[in-house]
């Protein structure tokens, strides 16, 4: 089961990483038409911001999978292997509390946005509910990855005893 969680988050992370290319393409297009043809768009920047929001939240579980989230290295590097496992486990309890809250509130947030087909208050009036729907999805993926990490830490701690 842990391997499946890793595979899903690896796939999602790699898929989401292609959004960086999409954002770059949209912004290059905007700069080109704005300065070459003096014809700025009303949509390129706004759509890029929506994509960036999804990119930012959906990439979190992939970063966790790769062990690349920020740590307090001043403390962490001084701990023994077992100390690191204990420290990670304590931090994961706070992690579950935070991400559990984000998941529950994010579902409500997204459902309310979907129900009213919420749109951005701008000339484009682009839909914002797809972006808001990424919040609970990202929280769920992070919770899964955190749980997999915790189970691995427990297995390592038991193996060291």
N, C-alpha and C. Protein backbone atom coordinates (compact mmCIF):
# COMPACT_ATOMS: atom_id res chain seq x y z
N UNK A 1 0.82 -1.20 0.00
CA UNK A 1 0.00 0.00 0.00
C UNK A 1 0.86 1.26 0.00
N UNK A 2 1.96 1.23 0.76
CA UNK A 2 2.84 2.40 0.81
C UNK A 2 3.43 2.69 -0.56
N UNK A 3 3.75 1.66 -1.26
CA UNK A 3 4.32 1.82 -2.62
C UNK A 3 3.29 2.48 -3.55
N UNK A 4 2.03 2.13 -3.41
CA UNK A 4 0.98 2.72 -4.25
C UNK A 4 0.87 4.22 -3.96
N UNK A 5 0.93 4.59 -2.67
CA UNK A 5 0.90 6.02 -2.31
C UNK A 5 2.06 6.75 -2.96
N UNK A 6 3.25 6.15 -2.88
CA UNK A 6 4.43 6.77 -3.50
C UNK A 6 4.27 6.91 -5.01
N UNK A 7 3.75 5.88 -5.65
CA UNK A 7 3.57 5.91 -7.11
C UNK A 7 2.57 6.99 -7.50
N UNK A 8 1.46 7.08 -6.77
CA UNK A 8 0.44 8.09 -7.08
C UNK A 8 1.03 9.49 -6.93
N UNK A 9 1.71 9.75 -5.81
CA UNK A 9 2.26 11.08 -5.59
C UNK A 9 3.41 11.40 -6.53
N UNK A 10 4.17 10.39 -6.92
CA UNK A 10 5.23 10.60 -7.91
C UNK A 10 4.62 10.98 -9.25
N UNK A 11 3.57 10.27 -9.64
CA UNK A 11 2.90 10.55 -10.91
C UNK A 11 2.27 11.94 -10.90
N UNK A 12 1.54 12.26 -9.82
CA UNK A 12 0.89 13.57 -9.71
C UNK A 12 1.94 14.67 -9.75
N UNK A 13 3.02 14.50 -9.02
CA UNK A 13 4.08 15.51 -8.99
C UNK A 13 4.70 15.73 -10.36
N UNK A 14 4.96 14.67 -11.07
CA UNK A 14 5.54 14.81 -12.41
C UNK A 14 4.53 15.43 -13.38
N UNK A 15 3.27 15.05 -13.26
CA UNK A 15 2.24 15.63 -14.13
C UNK A 15 2.09 17.12 -13.85
N UNK A 16 2.06 17.48 -12.56
CA UNK A 16 1.90 18.88 -12.17
C UNK A 16 3.11 19.70 -12.60
N UNK A 17 4.28 19.09 -12.62
CA UNK A 17 5.49 19.84 -13.01
C UNK A 17 5.41 20.34 -14.45
N UNK A 18 4.62 19.69 -15.27
CA UNK A 18 4.47 20.17 -16.65
C UNK A 18 3.70 21.50 -16.70
N UNK A 19 2.99 21.81 -15.62
CA UNK A 19 2.27 23.08 -15.57
C UNK A 19 3.24 24.27 -15.61
N UNK A 20 4.46 24.07 -15.15
CA UNK A 20 5.46 25.14 -15.23
C UNK A 20 5.71 25.53 -16.68
N UNK A 21 5.73 24.54 -17.56
CA UNK A 21 5.91 24.82 -18.99
C UNK A 21 4.71 25.55 -19.57
N UNK A 22 3.53 25.15 -19.13
CA UNK A 22 2.30 25.81 -19.59
C UNK A 22 2.32 27.28 -19.15
N UNK A 23 2.68 27.51 -17.89
CA UNK A 23 2.73 28.89 -17.38
C UNK A 23 3.75 29.72 -18.17
N UNK A 24 4.91 29.12 -18.40
CA UNK A 24 5.95 29.83 -19.15
C UNK A 24 5.46 30.17 -20.55
N UNK A 25 4.79 29.23 -21.20
CA UNK A 25 4.27 29.47 -22.54
C UNK A 25 3.24 30.58 -22.57
N UNK A 26 2.33 30.57 -21.61
CA UNK A 26 1.30 31.61 -21.54
C UNK A 26 1.91 32.99 -21.31
N UNK A 27 2.86 33.07 -20.40
CA UNK A 27 3.48 34.36 -20.12
C UNK A 27 4.34 34.85 -21.28
N UNK A 28 5.02 33.95 -21.95
CA UNK A 28 5.79 34.34 -23.15
C UNK A 28 4.84 34.85 -24.24
N UNK A 29 3.72 34.16 -24.41
CA UNK A 29 2.72 34.61 -25.39
C UNK A 29 2.24 36.01 -25.04
N UNK A 30 1.91 36.23 -23.77
CA UNK A 30 1.43 37.53 -23.32
C UNK A 30 2.46 38.63 -23.58
N UNK A 31 3.71 38.37 -23.25
CA UNK A 31 4.76 39.37 -23.48
C UNK A 31 4.92 39.64 -24.97
N UNK A 32 4.88 38.58 -25.76
CA UNK A 32 5.03 38.73 -27.21
C UNK A 32 3.92 39.59 -27.82
N UNK A 33 2.67 39.22 -27.54
CA UNK A 33 1.57 39.98 -28.16
C UNK A 33 1.46 41.39 -27.59
N UNK A 34 1.85 41.56 -26.35
CA UNK A 34 1.79 42.89 -25.73
C UNK A 34 2.82 43.84 -26.35
N UNK A 35 4.05 43.37 -26.50
CA UNK A 35 5.12 44.27 -26.94
C UNK A 35 5.37 44.25 -28.44
N UNK A 36 5.04 43.17 -29.11
CA UNK A 36 5.25 43.12 -30.56
C UNK A 36 4.04 43.65 -31.31
N UNK A 37 2.85 43.26 -30.88
CA UNK A 37 1.63 43.68 -31.58
C UNK A 37 0.82 44.74 -30.82
N UNK A 38 1.31 45.15 -29.67
CA UNK A 38 0.61 46.11 -28.82
C UNK A 38 -0.85 45.67 -28.61
N UNK A 39 -1.00 44.36 -28.32
CA UNK A 39 -2.34 43.77 -28.15
C UNK A 39 -2.35 42.87 -26.91
N UNK A 40 -2.29 43.46 -25.72
CA UNK A 40 -2.28 42.63 -24.51
C UNK A 40 -3.59 41.85 -24.35
N UNK A 41 -3.47 40.72 -23.71
CA UNK A 41 -4.67 39.90 -23.46
C UNK A 41 -5.24 40.25 -22.10
N UNK A 42 -6.49 39.90 -21.89
CA UNK A 42 -7.06 40.06 -20.55
C UNK A 42 -7.05 38.73 -19.80
N UNK A 43 -6.62 37.67 -20.46
CA UNK A 43 -6.73 36.34 -19.87
C UNK A 43 -5.41 35.68 -19.47
N UNK A 44 -4.31 35.97 -20.14
CA UNK A 44 -3.08 35.20 -19.93
C UNK A 44 -2.57 35.26 -18.49
N UNK A 45 -2.49 36.44 -17.93
CA UNK A 45 -1.98 36.57 -16.56
C UNK A 45 -2.91 35.89 -15.56
N UNK A 46 -4.20 36.10 -15.70
CA UNK A 46 -5.16 35.51 -14.76
C UNK A 46 -5.15 33.99 -14.81
N UNK A 47 -5.13 33.44 -16.01
CA UNK A 47 -5.09 31.97 -16.15
C UNK A 47 -3.77 31.43 -15.59
N UNK A 48 -2.68 32.15 -15.81
CA UNK A 48 -1.39 31.73 -15.27
C UNK A 48 -1.43 31.70 -13.74
N UNK A 49 -2.10 32.66 -13.14
CA UNK A 49 -2.21 32.68 -11.68
C UNK A 49 -3.01 31.47 -11.17
N UNK A 50 -4.06 31.11 -11.89
CA UNK A 50 -4.84 29.92 -11.51
C UNK A 50 -3.96 28.66 -11.60
N UNK A 51 -3.24 28.55 -12.69
CA UNK A 51 -2.37 27.39 -12.88
C UNK A 51 -1.29 27.35 -11.80
N UNK A 52 -0.73 28.51 -11.47
CA UNK A 52 0.31 28.56 -10.45
C UNK A 52 -0.23 28.11 -9.09
N UNK A 53 -1.46 28.48 -8.78
CA UNK A 53 -2.07 28.04 -7.52
C UNK A 53 -2.18 26.52 -7.46
N UNK A 54 -2.66 25.92 -8.53
CA UNK A 54 -2.77 24.45 -8.58
C UNK A 54 -1.38 23.81 -8.52
N UNK A 55 -0.44 24.37 -9.24
CA UNK A 55 0.95 23.89 -9.25
C UNK A 55 1.53 23.90 -7.84
N UNK A 56 1.29 24.99 -7.13
CA UNK A 56 1.84 25.13 -5.79
C UNK A 56 1.29 24.14 -4.79
N UNK A 57 -0.02 23.93 -4.78
CA UNK A 57 -0.59 23.03 -3.78
C UNK A 57 -0.46 21.56 -4.16
N UNK A 58 -0.62 21.25 -5.42
CA UNK A 58 -0.59 19.83 -5.83
C UNK A 58 0.83 19.25 -5.84
N UNK A 59 1.83 20.09 -5.86
CA UNK A 59 3.21 19.61 -5.85
C UNK A 59 3.71 19.25 -4.46
N UNK A 60 2.95 19.60 -3.43
CA UNK A 60 3.40 19.39 -2.05
C UNK A 60 3.68 17.94 -1.68
N UNK A 61 2.81 17.03 -2.06
CA UNK A 61 3.00 15.62 -1.71
C UNK A 61 4.21 15.03 -2.42
N UNK A 62 4.47 15.48 -3.64
CA UNK A 62 5.66 15.03 -4.38
C UNK A 62 6.93 15.49 -3.66
N UNK A 63 6.91 16.74 -3.21
CA UNK A 63 8.07 17.28 -2.48
C UNK A 63 8.27 16.50 -1.18
N UNK A 64 7.19 16.17 -0.51
CA UNK A 64 7.27 15.36 0.72
C UNK A 64 7.85 13.98 0.40
N UNK A 65 7.35 13.36 -0.64
CA UNK A 65 7.84 12.06 -1.07
C UNK A 65 9.36 12.08 -1.27
N UNK A 66 9.86 13.13 -1.85
CA UNK A 66 11.29 13.28 -2.14
C UNK A 66 12.10 13.78 -0.94
N UNK A 67 11.42 14.09 0.16
CA UNK A 67 12.12 14.56 1.36
C UNK A 67 12.73 15.94 1.20
N UNK A 68 12.08 16.79 0.42
CA UNK A 68 12.64 18.09 0.11
C UNK A 68 11.97 19.26 0.82
N UNK A 69 11.05 19.00 1.74
CA UNK A 69 10.44 20.10 2.49
C UNK A 69 11.46 20.69 3.43
N UNK A 70 11.26 21.91 3.82
CA UNK A 70 12.18 22.64 4.69
C UNK A 70 12.19 22.00 6.07
N UNK A 71 13.40 21.86 6.61
CA UNK A 71 13.56 21.34 7.98
C UNK A 71 14.43 22.32 8.76
N UNK A 72 14.39 22.19 10.05
CA UNK A 72 15.28 22.95 10.92
C UNK A 72 16.58 22.16 11.00
N UNK A 73 17.44 22.32 10.00
CA UNK A 73 18.67 21.53 9.93
C UNK A 73 19.60 21.77 11.11
N UNK A 74 19.55 22.93 11.73
CA UNK A 74 20.39 23.18 12.90
C UNK A 74 20.13 22.14 13.99
N UNK A 75 18.87 21.81 14.17
CA UNK A 75 18.49 20.82 15.17
C UNK A 75 18.56 19.41 14.57
N UNK A 76 17.98 19.25 13.41
CA UNK A 76 17.79 17.94 12.80
C UNK A 76 19.11 17.21 12.55
N UNK A 77 20.11 17.91 12.04
CA UNK A 77 21.40 17.28 11.70
C UNK A 77 22.16 16.82 12.94
N UNK A 78 21.85 17.39 14.09
CA UNK A 78 22.55 17.03 15.33
C UNK A 78 21.95 15.79 15.99
N UNK A 79 20.79 15.39 15.53
CA UNK A 79 20.13 14.23 16.13
C UNK A 79 20.67 12.93 15.56
N UNK A 80 20.61 11.88 16.38
CA UNK A 80 20.96 10.54 15.90
C UNK A 80 19.88 10.07 14.94
N UNK A 81 20.12 8.97 14.29
CA UNK A 81 19.12 8.40 13.37
C UNK A 81 17.80 8.16 14.11
N UNK A 82 17.89 7.57 15.29
CA UNK A 82 16.68 7.31 16.06
C UNK A 82 16.05 8.62 16.53
N UNK A 83 16.87 9.59 16.88
CA UNK A 83 16.36 10.91 17.28
C UNK A 83 15.61 11.58 16.15
N UNK A 84 16.11 11.42 14.94
CA UNK A 84 15.44 11.99 13.76
C UNK A 84 14.08 11.33 13.54
N UNK A 85 14.04 10.02 13.74
CA UNK A 85 12.78 9.29 13.58
C UNK A 85 11.77 9.77 14.61
N UNK A 86 12.20 9.94 15.84
CA UNK A 86 11.30 10.41 16.90
C UNK A 86 10.85 11.84 16.60
N UNK A 87 11.79 12.69 16.20
CA UNK A 87 11.46 14.08 15.87
C UNK A 87 10.46 14.15 14.72
N UNK A 88 10.72 13.36 13.66
CA UNK A 88 9.80 13.30 12.52
C UNK A 88 8.41 12.84 12.96
N UNK A 89 8.35 11.85 13.84
CA UNK A 89 7.06 11.33 14.30
C UNK A 89 6.28 12.37 15.08
N UNK A 90 6.97 13.13 15.94
CA UNK A 90 6.29 14.20 16.68
C UNK A 90 5.79 15.29 15.74
N UNK A 91 6.62 15.65 14.77
CA UNK A 91 6.21 16.67 13.80
C UNK A 91 5.03 16.19 12.96
N UNK A 92 4.99 14.89 12.67
CA UNK A 92 3.90 14.34 11.87
C UNK A 92 2.56 14.41 12.60
N UNK A 93 2.57 14.38 13.92
CA UNK A 93 1.32 14.54 14.66
C UNK A 93 0.74 15.93 14.42
N UNK A 94 1.59 16.94 14.45
CA UNK A 94 1.15 18.31 14.13
C UNK A 94 0.73 18.41 12.67
N UNK A 95 1.48 17.74 11.82
CA UNK A 95 1.20 17.70 10.39
C UNK A 95 -0.21 17.17 10.13
N UNK A 96 -0.55 16.04 10.79
CA UNK A 96 -1.89 15.45 10.60
C UNK A 96 -2.98 16.39 11.07
N UNK A 97 -2.75 17.05 12.17
CA UNK A 97 -3.74 18.00 12.68
C UNK A 97 -3.96 19.13 11.68
N UNK A 98 -2.88 19.70 11.19
CA UNK A 98 -2.98 20.80 10.23
C UNK A 98 -3.62 20.34 8.91
N UNK A 99 -3.10 19.26 8.34
CA UNK A 99 -3.61 18.81 7.05
C UNK A 99 -5.02 18.24 7.15
N UNK A 100 -5.36 17.65 8.29
CA UNK A 100 -6.73 17.18 8.50
C UNK A 100 -7.70 18.35 8.50
N UNK A 101 -7.30 19.44 9.14
CA UNK A 101 -8.12 20.65 9.15
C UNK A 101 -8.24 21.22 7.74
N UNK A 102 -7.13 21.29 7.03
CA UNK A 102 -7.16 21.81 5.65
C UNK A 102 -8.05 20.94 4.77
N UNK A 103 -7.99 19.63 4.96
CA UNK A 103 -8.83 18.73 4.17
C UNK A 103 -10.31 18.97 4.45
N UNK A 104 -10.69 18.98 5.71
CA UNK A 104 -12.11 19.15 6.07
C UNK A 104 -12.61 20.52 5.62
N UNK A 105 -11.88 21.57 5.96
CA UNK A 105 -12.30 22.92 5.58
C UNK A 105 -12.19 23.12 4.07
N UNK A 106 -11.19 22.50 3.45
CA UNK A 106 -11.00 22.62 2.00
C UNK A 106 -12.14 21.99 1.22
N UNK A 107 -12.66 20.88 1.71
CA UNK A 107 -13.81 20.24 1.05
C UNK A 107 -15.00 21.18 1.08
N UNK A 108 -15.27 21.75 2.25
CA UNK A 108 -16.39 22.69 2.37
C UNK A 108 -16.17 23.91 1.48
N UNK A 109 -14.95 24.45 1.51
CA UNK A 109 -14.57 25.61 0.70
C UNK A 109 -14.80 25.34 -0.79
N UNK A 110 -14.33 24.18 -1.24
CA UNK A 110 -14.46 23.81 -2.66
C UNK A 110 -15.92 23.56 -3.04
N UNK A 111 -16.65 22.85 -2.19
CA UNK A 111 -18.06 22.55 -2.50
C UNK A 111 -18.91 23.81 -2.60
N UNK A 112 -18.66 24.77 -1.69
CA UNK A 112 -19.40 26.03 -1.77
C UNK A 112 -19.06 26.78 -3.05
N UNK A 113 -17.81 26.74 -3.45
CA UNK A 113 -17.38 27.42 -4.68
C UNK A 113 -18.00 26.75 -5.91
N UNK A 114 -18.02 25.42 -5.91
CA UNK A 114 -18.61 24.68 -7.03
C UNK A 114 -20.12 24.95 -7.11
N UNK A 115 -20.77 24.97 -5.95
CA UNK A 115 -22.24 25.15 -5.91
C UNK A 115 -22.67 26.46 -6.57
N UNK A 116 -21.89 27.49 -6.40
CA UNK A 116 -22.27 28.79 -6.98
C UNK A 116 -21.51 29.08 -8.28
N UNK A 117 -20.72 28.10 -8.72
CA UNK A 117 -19.89 28.29 -9.92
C UNK A 117 -19.11 29.60 -9.80
N UNK A 118 -18.40 29.72 -8.68
CA UNK A 118 -17.69 30.95 -8.33
C UNK A 118 -16.71 31.38 -9.42
N UNK A 119 -16.69 32.66 -9.65
CA UNK A 119 -15.80 33.25 -10.64
C UNK A 119 -15.00 34.38 -10.01
N UNK A 120 -13.86 34.66 -10.63
CA UNK A 120 -13.01 35.75 -10.17
C UNK A 120 -13.68 37.07 -10.51
N UNK A 121 -13.56 38.04 -9.62
CA UNK A 121 -14.11 39.36 -9.87
C UNK A 121 -13.09 40.13 -10.71
N UNK A 122 -13.18 39.96 -12.01
CA UNK A 122 -12.27 40.60 -12.95
C UNK A 122 -12.99 40.72 -14.29
N UNK A 123 -12.41 41.43 -15.24
CA UNK A 123 -13.05 41.52 -16.56
C UNK A 123 -13.22 40.15 -17.24
N UNK A 124 -12.29 39.25 -16.99
CA UNK A 124 -12.36 37.91 -17.59
C UNK A 124 -13.44 37.05 -16.94
N UNK A 125 -13.64 37.22 -15.64
CA UNK A 125 -14.62 36.42 -14.89
C UNK A 125 -14.35 34.91 -15.02
N UNK A 126 -13.08 34.53 -14.92
CA UNK A 126 -12.72 33.12 -15.04
C UNK A 126 -13.21 32.33 -13.82
N UNK A 127 -13.55 31.06 -14.03
CA UNK A 127 -14.02 30.24 -12.91
C UNK A 127 -12.87 29.96 -11.94
N UNK A 128 -13.17 30.07 -10.65
CA UNK A 128 -12.16 29.83 -9.62
C UNK A 128 -12.40 28.50 -8.91
N UNK A 129 -13.56 27.88 -9.11
CA UNK A 129 -13.87 26.64 -8.41
C UNK A 129 -12.95 25.48 -8.79
N UNK A 130 -12.42 25.40 -10.03
CA UNK A 130 -11.47 24.31 -10.28
C UNK A 130 -10.20 24.45 -9.42
N UNK A 131 -9.73 25.68 -9.27
CA UNK A 131 -8.56 25.92 -8.44
C UNK A 131 -8.86 25.59 -6.98
N UNK A 132 -9.98 26.03 -6.47
CA UNK A 132 -10.34 25.75 -5.08
C UNK A 132 -10.52 24.26 -4.83
N UNK A 133 -10.87 23.52 -5.87
CA UNK A 133 -11.03 22.07 -5.73
C UNK A 133 -9.69 21.35 -5.56
N UNK A 134 -8.62 21.99 -5.96
CA UNK A 134 -7.30 21.36 -5.78
C UNK A 134 -6.86 21.35 -4.32
N UNK A 135 -7.43 22.21 -3.50
CA UNK A 135 -7.01 22.30 -2.09
C UNK A 135 -7.28 21.00 -1.32
N UNK A 136 -8.52 20.47 -1.32
CA UNK A 136 -8.72 19.21 -0.59
C UNK A 136 -8.00 18.04 -1.24
N UNK A 137 -7.87 18.05 -2.55
CA UNK A 137 -7.13 16.97 -3.22
C UNK A 137 -5.67 16.98 -2.75
N UNK A 138 -5.08 18.15 -2.73
CA UNK A 138 -3.68 18.27 -2.29
C UNK A 138 -3.53 17.88 -0.82
N UNK A 139 -4.47 18.29 0.02
CA UNK A 139 -4.41 17.92 1.43
C UNK A 139 -4.50 16.41 1.61
N UNK A 140 -5.39 15.78 0.85
CA UNK A 140 -5.54 14.32 0.92
C UNK A 140 -4.25 13.62 0.49
N UNK A 141 -3.64 14.06 -0.60
CA UNK A 141 -2.39 13.46 -1.07
C UNK A 141 -1.27 13.66 -0.04
N UNK A 142 -1.22 14.83 0.58
CA UNK A 142 -0.21 15.08 1.61
C UNK A 142 -0.44 14.18 2.82
N UNK A 143 -1.70 14.03 3.23
CA UNK A 143 -2.00 13.15 4.36
C UNK A 143 -1.59 11.71 4.07
N UNK A 144 -1.87 11.26 2.86
CA UNK A 144 -1.44 9.90 2.49
C UNK A 144 0.07 9.77 2.55
N UNK A 145 0.79 10.73 2.00
CA UNK A 145 2.24 10.66 1.98
C UNK A 145 2.81 10.76 3.39
N UNK A 146 2.21 11.61 4.22
CA UNK A 146 2.65 11.72 5.61
C UNK A 146 2.44 10.44 6.37
N UNK A 147 1.32 9.77 6.13
CA UNK A 147 1.03 8.50 6.78
C UNK A 147 2.03 7.44 6.33
N UNK A 148 2.34 7.40 5.06
CA UNK A 148 3.34 6.44 4.55
C UNK A 148 4.70 6.71 5.20
N UNK A 149 5.04 7.98 5.32
CA UNK A 149 6.32 8.36 5.94
C UNK A 149 6.35 7.91 7.40
N UNK A 150 5.26 8.10 8.11
CA UNK A 150 5.16 7.72 9.52
C UNK A 150 5.29 6.20 9.69
N UNK A 151 4.61 5.46 8.85
CA UNK A 151 4.69 3.99 8.93
C UNK A 151 6.11 3.52 8.68
N UNK A 152 6.78 4.13 7.71
CA UNK A 152 8.19 3.78 7.44
C UNK A 152 9.07 4.13 8.63
N UNK A 153 8.82 5.28 9.26
CA UNK A 153 9.60 5.65 10.44
C UNK A 153 9.41 4.65 11.58
N UNK A 154 8.17 4.21 11.79
CA UNK A 154 7.92 3.20 12.83
C UNK A 154 8.66 1.91 12.52
N UNK A 155 8.63 1.50 11.27
CA UNK A 155 9.32 0.26 10.88
C UNK A 155 10.83 0.39 11.10
N UNK A 156 11.39 1.56 10.77
CA UNK A 156 12.83 1.78 10.97
C UNK A 156 13.17 1.80 12.47
N UNK A 157 12.31 2.44 13.26
CA UNK A 157 12.56 2.51 14.71
C UNK A 157 12.53 1.12 15.33
N UNK A 158 11.58 0.29 14.91
CA UNK A 158 11.50 -1.07 15.44
C UNK A 158 12.69 -1.91 14.98
N UNK A 159 13.15 -1.70 13.75
CA UNK A 159 14.28 -2.45 13.22
C UNK A 159 15.56 -2.10 13.97
N UNK A 160 15.65 -0.89 14.47
CA UNK A 160 16.86 -0.44 15.19
C UNK A 160 16.89 -0.91 16.64
N UNK A 161 15.72 -1.29 17.18
CA UNK A 161 15.67 -1.69 18.61
C UNK A 161 16.31 -3.02 18.84
